[in-house]
Protein backbone atom coordinates (compact mmCIF):
# COMPACT_ATOMS: atom_id res chain seq x y z
CA MET A 1 0.00 0.00 0.00
CA LYS A 2 1.44 3.34 -1.04
CA ASP A 3 1.84 6.23 1.39
CA LEU A 4 -0.61 9.14 1.07
CA VAL A 5 -0.52 12.82 2.02
CA VAL A 6 -3.59 14.82 0.87
CA LYS A 7 -5.29 18.05 1.89
CA GLY A 8 -8.99 18.84 1.73
CA ASP A 9 -12.22 19.55 3.61
CA TRP A 10 -13.53 17.22 6.31
CA TRP A 11 -16.85 16.86 8.11
CA PHE A 12 -19.02 14.45 10.13
CA PRO A 13 -21.96 12.70 8.38
CA GLY A 14 -24.97 15.02 8.11
CA LYS A 15 -22.88 18.11 8.96
CA GLU A 16 -21.38 19.06 5.62
CA GLN A 17 -21.96 22.72 6.39
CA GLU A 18 -19.41 22.45 9.24
CA LYS A 19 -16.43 21.56 7.06
CA VAL A 20 -12.93 21.94 8.48
CA ARG A 21 -9.67 22.10 6.54
CA GLY A 22 -7.17 19.40 7.29
CA GLU A 23 -4.43 17.05 6.08
CA LEU A 24 -4.71 13.27 5.82
CA ARG A 25 -1.59 11.10 6.06
CA PHE A 26 -1.44 7.36 5.54
CA SER A 27 1.45 4.92 5.94
CA GLU A 28 1.57 1.15 6.45
CA GLU A 29 3.32 1.65 9.77
CA LYS A 30 1.13 4.35 11.34
CA GLY A 31 -2.15 3.92 9.45
CA SER A 32 -4.51 6.83 8.69
CA ARG A 33 -4.10 10.05 10.65
CA LEU A 34 -6.18 13.18 10.07
CA PHE A 35 -4.86 16.55 11.27
CA LEU A 36 -7.61 19.20 11.41
CA GLU A 37 -6.86 22.90 11.50
CA PRO A 38 -8.02 24.94 14.58
CA SER A 39 -11.82 25.12 14.73
CA ASN A 40 -14.84 25.38 17.04
CA LEU A 41 -15.80 21.72 16.63
CA PRO A 42 -17.18 20.13 19.80
CA LEU A 43 -14.96 17.65 21.61
CA ILE A 44 -15.58 14.18 20.10
CA LYS A 45 -13.46 11.29 21.38
CA LYS A 46 -14.77 8.66 18.98
CA THR A 47 -16.81 8.67 15.80
CA ASP A 48 -17.61 5.92 13.33
CA ILE A 49 -17.21 8.00 10.18
CA ILE A 50 -15.47 11.16 8.97
CA LEU A 51 -16.06 12.21 5.36
CA GLY A 52 -13.62 14.15 3.22
CA LEU A 53 -13.19 15.76 -0.18
CA THR A 54 -9.61 16.34 -1.34
CA ASP A 55 -8.45 19.37 -3.27
CA ASN A 56 -8.54 17.11 -6.36
CA ASN A 57 -12.24 16.27 -5.69
CA ASP A 58 -11.53 12.69 -4.55
CA LYS A 59 -14.06 11.34 -2.06
CA ILE A 60 -12.71 9.75 1.13
CA THR A 61 -14.36 7.92 4.03
CA LEU A 62 -12.48 7.39 7.29
CA TYR A 63 -14.02 4.58 9.31
CA ASP A 64 -13.74 3.74 13.03
CA CYS A 65 -12.03 6.98 14.10
CA TYR A 66 -10.50 7.76 17.49
CA LEU A 67 -9.34 11.11 18.81
CA GLN A 68 -5.60 11.01 19.49
CA ARG A 69 -4.80 14.64 20.36
CA PHE A 70 -6.58 17.97 20.73
CA GLY A 71 -5.87 21.52 21.93
CA LEU A 72 -7.29 22.78 25.23
CA ILE A 73 -7.17 26.57 24.81
CA GLY A 74 -9.10 28.66 22.24
CA LEU A 75 -9.71 27.07 18.85
CA ARG A 76 -9.04 23.37 19.06
CA GLU A 77 -6.66 21.40 16.86
CA TYR A 78 -7.68 17.77 16.36
CA GLU A 79 -5.77 14.65 15.40
CA PHE A 80 -7.83 11.57 14.58
CA GLU A 81 -6.64 8.06 13.83
CA SER A 82 -8.87 5.77 11.73
CA ARG A 83 -8.85 2.00 11.38
CA ASN A 84 -9.78 2.01 7.69
CA LEU A 85 -9.61 4.46 4.80
CA PHE A 86 -11.88 4.11 1.76
CA TRP A 87 -10.79 6.08 -1.30
CA GLY A 88 -13.35 7.08 -3.95
CA VAL A 89 -16.64 6.86 -2.06
CA HIS A 90 -18.66 8.43 0.77
CA PHE A 91 -20.26 5.99 3.20
CA GLU A 92 -22.85 7.72 5.36
CA ASP A 93 -23.24 4.56 7.44
CA ILE A 94 -21.32 1.33 8.13
CA PRO A 95 -19.36 0.36 4.96
CA HIS A 96 -20.73 -2.55 2.91
CA PHE A 97 -19.17 -4.30 -0.10
CA SER A 98 -20.27 -6.96 -2.57
CA ARG A 99 -16.76 -7.80 -3.79
CA ILE A 100 -13.18 -7.47 -2.55
CA ASP A 101 -9.93 -8.08 -4.45
CA PHE A 102 -6.61 -8.15 -2.61
CA GLN A 103 -3.02 -8.98 -3.49
CA SER A 104 0.12 -10.10 -1.72
CA GLU A 105 3.68 -10.85 -2.84
CA THR A 106 3.51 -14.16 -1.01
CA LEU A 107 0.31 -15.09 -2.88
CA SER A 108 2.10 -14.93 -6.25
CA GLN A 109 4.92 -17.12 -4.93
CA TRP A 110 2.46 -19.59 -3.39
CA VAL A 111 0.43 -19.95 -6.62
CA ASN A 112 3.57 -20.16 -8.79
CA ILE A 113 1.68 -20.09 -12.10
CA ASP A 114 2.42 -17.63 -14.88
CA GLY A 115 1.27 -17.14 -18.46
CA PHE A 116 4.59 -16.13 -19.97
CA THR A 117 5.96 -18.62 -22.49
CA HIS A 118 8.90 -18.91 -24.85
CA ARG A 119 7.79 -19.92 -28.33
CA GLU A 120 10.17 -21.25 -30.94
CA ASP A 121 7.56 -21.53 -33.69
CA ILE A 122 7.51 -17.78 -34.34
CA THR A 123 9.92 -16.37 -36.94
CA LEU A 124 11.23 -12.90 -36.08
CA ARG A 125 13.13 -10.54 -38.32
CA PRO A 126 16.60 -9.36 -37.23
CA GLY A 127 16.34 -6.84 -34.42
CA GLU A 128 12.83 -7.95 -33.39
CA SER A 129 11.92 -9.59 -30.08
CA ALA A 130 8.59 -10.79 -28.74
CA ILE A 131 7.07 -11.68 -25.38
CA PHE A 132 4.11 -14.06 -25.34
CA TYR A 133 1.57 -14.13 -22.56
CA LYS A 134 -1.59 -16.17 -22.17
CA LYS A 135 -3.67 -15.36 -19.13
CA PRO A 136 -4.13 -18.43 -16.91
CA GLU A 137 -7.74 -19.34 -16.23
CA ASP A 138 -9.21 -17.91 -13.05
CA VAL A 139 -9.75 -20.56 -10.38
CA LYS A 140 -12.70 -21.02 -8.05
CA LEU A 141 -11.14 -21.79 -4.68
CA GLY A 142 -14.22 -22.39 -2.57
CA LYS A 143 -17.63 -21.24 -1.33
CA TRP A 144 -18.93 -20.70 2.18
CA ASP A 145 -22.09 -18.96 3.37
CA CYS A 146 -22.85 -16.31 0.70
CA CYS A 147 -19.18 -15.86 -0.32
CA THR A 148 -17.35 -17.38 -3.30
CA CYS A 149 -13.56 -17.16 -3.41
CA TYR A 150 -11.61 -16.94 -6.68
CA LEU A 151 -7.98 -16.78 -7.77
CA ILE A 152 -7.71 -13.99 -10.37
CA PHE A 153 -4.88 -13.46 -12.89
CA LYS A 154 -4.11 -10.33 -14.89
CA VAL A 155 -1.10 -8.75 -16.59
CA VAL A 156 -0.08 -5.10 -16.25
CA GLN A 157 2.48 -3.05 -18.15
CA ILE A 158 4.97 -1.08 -16.09
CA SER A 159 7.07 1.68 -17.67
CA SER A 160 10.08 3.29 -16.02
CA GLY A 161 9.51 7.04 -15.59
CA ARG A 162 8.92 9.20 -18.68
CA SER A 163 11.40 7.19 -20.73
CA SER A 164 10.15 4.35 -22.89
CA HIS A 165 13.54 2.62 -22.89
CA LYS A 166 12.42 0.24 -20.16
CA GLN A 167 9.10 -1.58 -20.30
CA GLU A 168 8.03 -4.41 -18.07
CA LEU A 169 5.11 -6.82 -18.12
CA LYS A 170 4.08 -8.15 -14.76
CA GLN A 171 1.49 -10.76 -13.93
CA GLU A 172 -0.55 -9.96 -10.84
CA VAL A 173 -2.39 -12.59 -8.83
CA SER A 174 -5.19 -11.62 -6.48
CA LEU A 175 -7.78 -13.27 -4.27
CA ARG A 176 -11.38 -12.26 -4.87
CA LEU A 177 -14.20 -12.58 -2.36
CA ASP A 178 -17.51 -12.32 -4.24
CA TYR A 179 -20.80 -11.94 -2.33
CA GLU A 180 -24.39 -12.33 -3.43
CA GLU A 181 -25.26 -9.01 -1.71
CA ASP A 182 -23.55 -6.14 0.05
CA VAL A 183 -21.93 -7.40 3.27
CA VAL A 184 -20.62 -5.46 6.27
CA PHE A 185 -16.93 -4.72 5.74
CA ILE A 186 -15.81 -6.02 9.13
CA ASP A 187 -17.14 -9.49 8.22
CA ILE A 188 -15.39 -9.39 4.84
CA GLU A 189 -12.17 -8.23 6.52
CA SER A 190 -12.19 -11.20 8.92
CA GLN A 191 -12.49 -13.63 5.99
CA ALA A 192 -9.74 -11.86 4.04
CA HIS A 193 -7.48 -12.04 7.11
CA ALA A 194 -8.27 -15.76 7.43
CA LEU A 195 -7.02 -16.34 3.86
CA MET A 196 -3.87 -14.28 4.48
CA ASN A 197 -3.31 -16.32 7.64
CA MET A 198 -3.46 -19.47 5.51
CA LEU A 199 -0.67 -18.03 3.36
CA ALA A 200 1.28 -17.11 6.50
CA PHE A 201 0.91 -20.70 7.71
CA ALA A 202 2.10 -22.09 4.37
CA ALA A 203 5.04 -19.65 4.18
CA ASP A 204 5.89 -19.72 7.92
CA SER A 205 6.26 -15.94 7.78
CA PRO A 206 4.07 -12.81 8.00
CA VAL A 207 1.84 -11.98 5.03
CA TYR A 208 0.40 -8.55 4.26
CA SER A 209 -1.98 -7.22 1.65
CA ASN A 210 -0.15 -4.74 -0.61
CA GLU A 211 -3.35 -3.69 -2.43
CA MET A 212 -7.04 -4.07 -1.62
CA THR A 213 -9.94 -2.90 -3.80
CA GLY A 214 -13.66 -3.05 -3.06
CA TYR A 215 -16.89 -2.82 -5.06
CA THR A 216 -20.50 -2.23 -4.02
CA LEU A 217 -23.78 -3.01 -5.74
CA ALA A 218 -24.59 0.71 -5.79
CA THR A 219 -21.31 1.83 -7.42
CA GLY A 220 -21.00 -1.13 -9.79
CA GLU A 221 -17.53 -1.58 -11.29
CA MET A 222 -16.13 1.64 -9.85
CA PRO A 223 -13.10 0.57 -7.77
CA ILE A 224 -12.84 1.73 -4.16
CA GLY A 225 -9.35 1.76 -2.66
CA ILE A 226 -9.12 0.23 0.81
CA TYR A 227 -6.23 1.23 3.07
CA SER A 228 -5.55 -0.36 6.46
CA ARG A 229 -2.71 -0.20 8.90
CA GLN A 230 -0.31 -3.13 8.94
CA HIS A 231 0.03 -3.87 12.64
CA ILE A 232 3.78 -4.50 12.67
CA ARG A 233 6.47 -1.85 13.00
CA GLY A 234 9.07 -0.80 10.47
CA SER A 235 10.63 -3.00 7.82
CA LEU A 236 8.88 -6.11 9.18
CA THR A 237 5.88 -5.20 7.01
CA LYS A 238 7.98 -5.96 3.92
CA GLU A 239 7.45 -9.52 2.77
CA LYS A 240 10.50 -11.59 1.95
CA GLU A 241 11.11 -14.14 -0.77
CA VAL A 242 9.86 -17.48 0.54
CA SER A 243 12.31 -20.31 -0.16
CA HIS A 244 10.08 -23.18 1.02
CA PHE A 245 6.33 -23.51 1.50
CA LEU A 246 4.75 -26.00 3.84
CA PHE A 247 2.25 -26.56 1.03
CA GLU A 248 1.68 -24.80 -2.30
CA PHE A 249 -1.31 -24.20 -4.53
CA THR A 250 -0.28 -27.16 -6.69
CA ASP A 251 -0.68 -29.38 -3.61
CA VAL A 252 -4.33 -28.40 -3.08
CA HIS A 253 -5.64 -27.23 -6.48
CA GLU A 254 -7.46 -30.50 -7.28
CA HIS A 255 -9.46 -30.28 -4.05
CA ALA A 256 -9.06 -26.56 -3.38
CA PRO A 257 -12.69 -25.94 -2.23
CA GLN A 258 -12.45 -28.56 0.51
CA PHE A 259 -9.07 -27.31 1.76
CA ILE A 260 -10.03 -23.63 1.70
CA GLU A 261 -13.40 -24.19 3.35
CA LYS A 262 -11.78 -26.26 6.10
CA TRP A 263 -9.22 -23.50 6.69
CA ILE A 264 -11.99 -20.87 6.93
CA ASP A 265 -13.68 -23.06 9.52
CA LEU A 266 -10.38 -23.44 11.41
CA SER A 267 -9.94 -19.66 11.43
CA LEU A 268 -13.51 -18.57 12.17
CA GLY A 269 -15.05 -21.63 13.85
CA ASP A 270 -14.55 -23.51 17.13
CA LEU A 271 -10.80 -23.95 16.60
CA SER A 272 -10.18 -20.24 15.93
CA PRO A 273 -8.49 -19.61 19.34
CA PHE A 274 -5.98 -22.35 18.51
CA THR A 275 -5.42 -21.39 14.87
CA ASN A 276 -5.30 -17.61 15.19
CA ASN A 277 -3.11 -17.52 18.30
CA TYR A 278 -0.59 -19.75 16.57
CA ILE A 279 -0.57 -17.69 13.36
CA ALA A 280 -0.25 -14.49 15.42
CA GLU A 281 3.15 -15.75 16.63
CA LYS A 282 4.48 -15.38 13.08
CA TYR A 283 3.83 -11.63 13.22
CA ILE A 284 5.65 -11.10 16.50
CA PRO A 285 9.38 -10.26 16.21
CA SER A 286 11.69 -12.87 17.68
CA GLY A 287 11.86 -12.35 21.40
CA PHE A 288 12.09 -14.38 24.58
CA VAL A 289 11.88 -18.10 23.91
CA GLU A 290 9.96 -18.46 27.20
CA ARG A 291 7.03 -16.51 25.76
CA LYS A 292 6.95 -18.59 22.58
CA PHE A 293 7.26 -21.82 24.62
CA LEU A 294 4.26 -20.84 26.76
CA GLU A 295 2.19 -19.83 23.75
CA TYR A 296 2.80 -23.13 21.95
CA VAL A 297 1.92 -25.15 25.06
CA ARG A 298 -1.28 -23.14 25.37
CA CYS A 299 -2.11 -23.69 21.68
CA LEU A 300 -1.72 -27.47 22.04
CA GLU A 301 -3.83 -27.49 25.20
CA VAL A 302 -6.60 -25.48 23.50
CA TYR A 303 -6.45 -27.75 20.45
CA HIS A 304 -6.90 -30.87 22.56
CA ARG A 305 -9.73 -29.31 24.60
CA LYS A 306 -11.61 -28.33 21.43
CA THR A 307 -11.11 -31.64 19.59
CA SER A 308 -11.48 -34.10 22.47
CA ARG A 309 -14.16 -32.21 24.43
CA GLN A 310 -12.39 -33.41 27.59
CA ASN A 311 -12.21 -30.71 30.26
CA SER A 312 -10.84 -32.73 33.17
CA MET A 313 -7.60 -34.06 31.64
CA LYS A 314 -4.22 -32.82 32.82
CA LEU A 315 -1.74 -31.11 30.51
CA LYS A 316 0.65 -34.07 30.28
CA GLU A 317 -2.19 -36.43 29.34
CA ARG A 318 -3.28 -34.01 26.59
CA LEU A 319 0.25 -33.77 25.19
CA LEU A 320 0.67 -37.55 25.27
CA GLU A 321 -2.53 -38.01 23.24
CA ILE A 322 -1.51 -35.40 20.66
CA VAL A 323 1.99 -36.84 20.26
CA GLY A 324 0.59 -40.37 20.07
CA LYS A 325 -1.86 -39.35 17.34
CA TYR A 326 0.41 -37.19 15.20
CA ARG A 327 3.97 -38.42 15.64
CA TYR A 328 3.71 -40.39 12.38
CA ASN A 329 7.08 -41.54 10.96
CA ILE A 330 8.87 -38.22 11.22
CA GLU A 331 11.40 -39.27 13.88
CA LEU A 332 10.54 -36.14 15.84
CA PHE A 333 10.30 -38.41 18.89
CA SER A 334 11.97 -41.72 19.45
CA ASP A 335 10.01 -44.21 21.54
CA TYR A 336 11.80 -43.44 24.79
CA ALA A 337 11.55 -39.65 24.32
CA VAL A 338 7.74 -39.22 24.19
CA GLU A 339 7.16 -39.53 27.93
CA GLU A 340 10.19 -37.38 28.70
CA PHE A 341 9.09 -34.65 26.28
CA CYS A 342 5.56 -34.40 27.67
CA GLU A 343 6.80 -34.42 31.27
CA ARG A 344 9.39 -31.71 30.62
CA ALA A 345 6.93 -29.57 28.66
CA LYS A 346 4.43 -29.84 31.52
CA ASN A 347 7.04 -28.97 34.14
CA GLY A 348 8.34 -26.07 32.04
CA ARG A 349 4.87 -24.60 31.66
CA HIS A 350 4.14 -24.94 35.39
CA TYR A 351 7.48 -23.41 36.31
CA LEU A 352 7.02 -20.37 34.08
CA THR A 353 3.33 -19.91 34.94
CA HIS A 354 3.15 -20.85 38.63
CA TYR A 355 6.67 -20.41 39.92
CA GLU A 356 7.45 -23.01 42.60
CA GLU A 357 10.73 -22.95 44.46
CA LYS A 358 10.94 -26.75 44.59
CA ALA A 359 10.89 -26.87 40.77
CA ASP A 360 13.72 -24.38 40.41
CA GLN A 361 16.41 -27.05 40.16
CA GLU A 362 14.51 -28.88 37.40
CA ARG A 363 13.89 -25.87 35.19
CA MET A 364 14.89 -26.08 31.52
CA SER A 365 18.12 -24.75 30.12
CA LEU A 366 17.83 -22.33 27.22
CA ASN A 367 18.98 -25.01 24.76
CA GLU A 368 16.39 -27.49 25.99
CA MET A 369 13.63 -24.89 25.84
CA VAL A 370 14.56 -24.04 22.24
CA GLU A 371 14.41 -27.74 21.38
CA LYS A 372 11.04 -28.28 23.09
CA THR A 373 9.61 -25.11 21.56
CA ASN A 374 10.54 -26.18 18.04
CA LYS A 375 9.14 -29.66 18.55
CA MET A 376 5.84 -28.14 19.69
CA LYS A 377 5.81 -25.90 16.63
CA ILE A 378 6.15 -28.96 14.41
CA LEU A 379 3.33 -30.69 16.29
CA ILE A 380 1.05 -27.70 15.77
CA ASP A 381 1.91 -27.59 12.06
CA ILE A 382 1.02 -31.27 11.76
CA CYS A 383 -2.27 -30.76 13.66
CA LEU A 384 -3.28 -27.95 11.28
CA LEU A 385 -2.32 -29.91 8.17
CA ALA A 386 -4.35 -32.88 9.38
CA GLU A 387 -7.36 -30.68 10.16
CA MET A 388 -7.15 -29.19 6.66
CA GLY A 389 -7.46 -32.67 5.18
CA PHE A 390 -3.89 -33.60 4.25
CA SER A 391 -3.24 -37.33 4.39
CA LYS A 392 -0.63 -38.95 6.61
CA GLU A 393 1.56 -39.59 3.58
CA ASP A 394 1.30 -35.96 2.45
CA ILE A 395 2.24 -34.74 5.91
CA ASP A 396 5.20 -37.12 6.11
CA ARG A 397 6.50 -35.88 2.78
CA LYS A 398 5.91 -32.21 3.54
CA PHE A 399 7.46 -32.58 6.96
CA HIS A 400 10.69 -33.99 5.63
CA HIS A 401 10.95 -31.44 2.86
CA TYR A 402 10.05 -28.41 4.94
CA ILE A 403 9.43 -28.62 8.66
CA SER A 404 12.38 -30.72 9.72
CA MET A 405 15.00 -28.55 8.01
CA PRO A 406 14.77 -25.38 10.13
CA TYR A 407 14.18 -27.46 13.25
CA ARG A 408 17.25 -29.64 12.65
CA ILE A 409 19.45 -26.66 11.84
CA MET A 410 18.36 -24.80 14.98
CA ALA A 411 18.76 -27.88 17.14
CA ALA A 412 22.20 -28.62 15.70
CA ASP A 413 23.26 -25.01 16.20
CA SER A 414 22.16 -24.99 19.84
CA TYR A 415 23.88 -28.30 20.48
CA ILE A 416 27.12 -27.12 18.87
CA GLU A 417 26.98 -23.99 21.02
CA LYS A 418 26.68 -26.17 24.09
CA HIS A 419 29.44 -28.67 23.37
CA LEU A 420 32.06 -26.75 21.39
CA THR A 421 34.15 -23.94 22.84
CA ASP A 422 36.47 -22.81 20.04
CA GLU A 423 34.68 -20.10 17.98
CA SER A 424 36.33 -20.93 14.65
CA GLU A 425 35.48 -24.58 15.22
CA LYS A 426 31.86 -23.67 15.95
CA ILE A 427 31.57 -21.69 12.74
CA ALA A 428 33.11 -24.42 10.57
CA THR A 429 31.00 -27.16 12.13
CA LYS A 430 27.76 -25.14 11.87
CA LYS A 431 28.39 -24.49 8.20
CA ALA A 432 29.03 -28.18 7.58
CA ALA A 433 25.98 -29.17 9.64
CA THR A 434 23.68 -26.72 7.86
CA TYR A 435 24.82 -27.88 4.45
CA LEU A 436 24.43 -31.55 5.27
CA ILE A 437 21.10 -31.06 7.00
CA LYS A 438 19.71 -29.23 3.99
CA HIS A 439 20.88 -31.89 1.55
CA CYS A 440 20.87 -35.14 3.50
CA SER A 441 18.37 -34.97 6.35
CA ASN A 442 16.05 -37.57 4.82
CA GLU A 443 18.60 -40.26 3.99
CA PRO A 444 19.32 -43.20 6.31
CA TYR A 445 22.09 -45.09 7.92
CA VAL A 446 25.55 -43.47 8.11
CA ILE A 447 25.69 -41.26 11.17
CA LEU A 448 27.31 -37.85 11.32
CA ALA A 449 27.69 -36.88 14.98
CA LEU A 450 28.00 -33.17 15.74
CA CYS A 451 28.76 -33.48 19.41
CA ASN A 452 31.48 -33.85 22.02
CA MET A 453 31.94 -37.59 21.39
CA HIS A 454 34.54 -36.64 18.76
CA THR A 455 37.88 -35.14 19.59
CA LYS A 456 38.77 -31.68 18.32
CA GLU A 457 41.09 -33.22 15.72
CA GLU A 458 38.33 -35.50 14.50
CA ARG A 459 35.90 -32.61 14.21
CA GLU A 460 38.40 -30.51 12.28
CA GLU A 461 39.07 -33.44 9.96
CA LEU A 462 35.31 -33.93 9.56
CA ALA A 463 34.76 -30.29 8.60
CA ALA A 464 37.63 -30.41 6.12
CA SER A 465 36.33 -33.66 4.64
CA ILE A 466 32.87 -32.18 4.15
CA LYS A 467 34.34 -29.27 2.22
CA VAL A 468 36.30 -31.66 0.01
CA LEU A 469 33.30 -33.91 -0.55
CA LYS A 470 31.21 -30.90 -1.50
CA SER A 471 33.83 -29.53 -3.90
CA ILE A 472 34.24 -32.80 -5.82
CA GLY A 473 30.53 -33.63 -5.89
CA MET A 474 30.97 -36.78 -3.80
CA LEU A 475 28.43 -35.68 -1.19
CA GLN A 476 25.51 -35.98 -3.58
CA LYS A 477 26.71 -39.46 -4.57
CA LEU A 478 26.63 -40.48 -0.92
CA VAL A 479 23.14 -39.07 -0.58
CA SER A 480 21.91 -40.83 -3.72
CA ARG A 481 23.12 -44.12 -2.25
CA GLY A 482 21.02 -43.42 0.83
CA ASN A 483 23.72 -43.58 3.45
CA VAL A 484 23.81 -40.23 5.27
CA ARG A 485 21.85 -39.28 8.34
CA ILE A 486 22.15 -36.24 10.59
CA VAL A 487 21.71 -36.74 14.31
CA PHE A 488 22.35 -34.49 17.25
CA SER A 489 21.48 -33.72 20.85
CA LYS A 490 21.13 -36.36 23.55
CA GLU A 491 19.35 -38.82 21.27
CA TYR A 492 22.73 -39.49 19.64
CA GLU A 493 23.57 -42.59 21.65
CA LYS A 494 20.16 -44.13 20.96
CA TYR A 495 20.60 -43.59 17.24
CA VAL A 496 24.10 -45.09 17.40
CA ASP A 497 22.81 -48.19 19.18
CA LYS A 498 19.94 -48.53 16.72
CA TYR A 499 22.27 -48.11 13.75
CA TYR A 500 24.75 -50.75 14.86
CA ARG A 501 21.99 -53.15 15.86
CA GLU A 502 20.44 -52.81 12.41
CA LYS A 503 23.83 -53.07 10.71
CA LYS A 504 24.70 -56.20 12.72
CA LYS A 505 21.31 -57.70 11.89
CA GLU A 506 21.83 -57.05 8.19
CA GLU A 507 25.31 -58.64 8.29
CA GLU A 508 23.94 -61.71 10.08
CA GLU A 509 21.17 -62.04 7.49
CA VAL A 510 23.74 -61.82 4.68
CA ARG A 511 25.92 -64.50 6.33
CA SER A 512 22.96 -66.78 6.99
CA THR A 513 21.76 -66.34 3.40
CA SER A 514 25.25 -67.19 2.09
CA LYS A 515 25.47 -70.28 4.27
CA ARG A 516 22.03 -71.43 3.17
CA LYS A 517 22.91 -70.97 -0.48
CA GLY A 518 26.21 -72.82 0.06
CA LYS A 519 24.44 -75.80 1.64
CA GLU A 520 21.88 -75.87 -1.16
CA GLU A 521 24.61 -75.82 -3.80
CA GLY A 522 26.61 -78.53 -1.96
CA SER A 523 23.61 -80.80 -1.77
């Protein structure tokens, strides 16, 4: 949304004769602020609507306005802040719309469909060049109540300044909410936010609308610009390129209506406290891990309460049921670790919420809290995917390709910090760990241990070997043969035991098979 600074006349509905000069300023960070010149207006702390007409004769409606500052002596100066700004229309009462279109940078990345093609069947003369574009078909994403949701494609031409030396074609993707009749804007806004929250869940990062346009039955196809404050400070409102999505449009397009309708129900129905509180964490700058730990525990507890309808169960019992239901084959918990995880999560929540002196000695270290927090995040992601209708197999695949990577890197980093002291050694090992985790985290059976069970010389040799393997392309060969696994933290010894037991079992089976074949050949 672009910043605005406009001057004009302003008045309250039904009091056009009492116009006051003023300046309207809008920015994503601070929202809409109206500065009125000194006047004899009565003191009004809150008003639903302020109407305006700019010096260029553009109509403006400010909705849900609060008085922020006023003068006390003589003619009063007023400063109002409004929740929403509607450009191009005067609403005398609560705003209603029959259609809303909104865009987001993340939406285009999530859809990942474009109409630009390279054609080799066209003959061009020397010096000529051509760009071919075929608009993708609009997609009906779902229908709930009186609303139908569409995915809309269009192409726009962008020129650079007054010069025609640079021309650019850009495909824009938008979500459209189409209603059978005019609907109160606040209801439309909640549904639009629910869809943006779905994108935030898929991208694991904040999502903002960079353009929103509305239409009413009365004004027909005349576009009405909608401006709203983005409730995060500074550069955090700028969306970043998303490298991995938990799920993309291509994953749901065949059954898009079912997935979208289930997400709307998750966001606006009985599970909304669970869903929306979890998504809200993505919009909060990184802070104390204790706060995030508590919020994730609370989300899991709310989820179990809403889905099981059991009000008398204790926290540990709830966590055990969730882990038992959704642990799947993701190796997030080994068999022995489930009980320990739920017990430690329960104790951590009780310690931080109801401080007890006797529990002080059993409180979590920072590293352990980071580990537990990230495991709970993965559990919540799996719960939401399952509620949306993803199958166990889909979740397994998406988990390995997306969820486990940041978790494993963070866990490896925290473990390296705990067990290594030399800074240069930490840096080298973290780089090696991150690279291997990104490329090899799904492949079984040769164990790379990033922990204090190796000597310093062994770790240095390991880091050097990884660099060599990477440079000669040998690492990918190892991965393709399926013999690399990353392990870390205190589960290392269990993985080692499991690995050697399995390896010994395989060797015994090979020997027994050879002996059996030898006897059969001898006979």
